Amino acid sequence: MVKLRLFGTMTMKWFGFKRKEWNGGYSIKRCLVFVVVIVVGYTLLTNEDLNDTSNIKNNPTKIFPERTVSQRDIKRILFWTKSYGSITWETNSISDAFKGCAVSKCIFTADKSLVSESDALLFHPPDIISTFSLPSVRSPEQIYIYASLEPPPNHYLVNLRKYSNYFNWTFGYRSDMDILMTYGYFKTLPSVNKSVEQKDFSKHKTHKVAWAVGNCYPFFPRQLIAQELSKYIEVDVFGHCGKSNPNCGRLCPEVLGKYKFYLSLENSLCKDYVTEKFWNALIREQIPIVRGGANYTKIAPPNSFINVLDFPNVAKLAEYLHYLDKNHTAYNEYFKWRSHFAIGNSNWRCELCKALHDTSRPAQVYTDLYGWMSEENCPLWSVSNQITRFVNGFFYNMGIK
C-alpha cells in the first residue's frame, strides 16, 4: 500500500494535480488519462512476475516413436536468421568452420535457396523479429534449432508463445539444452601444476574492485549492488557506464588485471546463465564476485569465486573483501584450484556437427518453449515486465521494499 500511495502522489504531480484543486478546473480528458495511468500502475505494482509458470511440465518435449534421418553424408546447416547482425554467426571462415572437430562432416551456408537441401536450420531468437519470413516448406528429416547464449529477458520483442511445436532442438547456456554452448568451462590438467603453490596472486595488483559494464539501466539489481558496495570499498567502473577510462571494454586485461576483484554480476538471474565476464575474470587471475541464476559451485572451479548471496548484506561483503585485500595468504587460497584445473573454451560448431551425426537422438519437438524457457523465475521480455522492473527498482532504490 505504501507503494500505491507514493505512486498515486507522484502521478498527481506529473499530471499537474494539486490536492486543493482536485475537485475542479480540469478537463475530462486529463482525468481519464490519469485514471488509466493509475490502473496500469496498480497492475504493475501488484504483479511482480506476469508470467505464470506454475503449470510447466518437467519434460518440455514431445518424443515421436520414429525419426526420419537424413542420408546425406555431409550435413548442411543453414543460418536462417542473423546472429546480432552477422549473417555467418561470427564464423570467420565458413569453409573451415569444422576443421579440427572430432566429427567434421558439416558445412555452413547462409543461402536460403538451399533450404530444401539443408539438414538443420539455425534461428537466433533476438534476430527472429527482423526476419520477415519463416521457411514455407519443411521436410521430415530437417531439424529446427533455437540457438542463443542470451536468456529470454534479453530477447527484445520476441514472443516465444508463437513457436510452440516449432523447434526440435535447443542449444545455448542451459545445462538441460540439447546442445550446451557456454562462454567457458574448467577442465582437469594432465598433471599437477606445482608452480601455482609458490605464486603470490596479489602481487602487482594495486587496486581493489573493478567492473566493466555497458548496460547502465539504473535499477538492475546488479547496478544497485555496485552502488551499495562502492559506499564501503573502492569500485572502479569501466566501459560505457564508467566515469574513468570509458573506452576500456570488458576485456582490457592491461587495465582490469591490476584489480584483485571483479564484479561478475549478471543482468538476468536465469537458470545456468553465466556470461563471459565471469570466465574472463578467472583468466585474468582475479577473484570474481558473482550474482546470478547459476549454481556456481557446479560450473566453476572449486573455491574460485565469492558469491554475493553468501553474505547477509553488502556491508559484510565489503568487510570480507577488505580482509582479503590485507591478508595475502587468504587471498591466494582462491587460486589453489589452478594447480589442478584450467579454463577452456567450448566449440559449439563441433558439438553441433557431432549432434547432427548422432542417429540415436530421438525425434522431438518443444511443445511449450515459452513455459520452459521462463521457468526458474526467468520471465520473457515484455513491455509490462520492463516497466514493472523499473518501477520496483525505483522503490527499491528509495529504500521502500
Foldseek 3Di string as FASTA:
>chain_A
DVLLVVVLVVLCVVLPHDPVCVVDDDDPVSVVVSVVVSVLVVVLQVPLFPDDLPPPDPDQKDFDPDADADPDPAAEEEAAFADVPHLQVPQPDQVCLQPPFPQRRYGYDPDCVCVVVHQEYEDEQLGPVVRPDDDPDDDRRHFYEHEDQDAQQPSPPGDCQVCAQPGFFYEYQAPPGPHYAAQKFKDWDPAFDVVLVVDQLLPQQPAAEEEEDADPLCLQPLNVLVVVLCVQGPYAYEDNPGPPPNVQHLQNLVPVLSYQEYEQEDSFQFERNGHCSCVSCVVSSHAYEYDHNYPCCVGDQPLQHHYPVVDPGSNVVSVVSVVCNVDSVVSSVNVSSVRTMDMDHDSRSSRVSVVSPDPVDTGMGRRRPQSVSCPPPGHGHDPSNVVSSSSVSVCVVVVRD
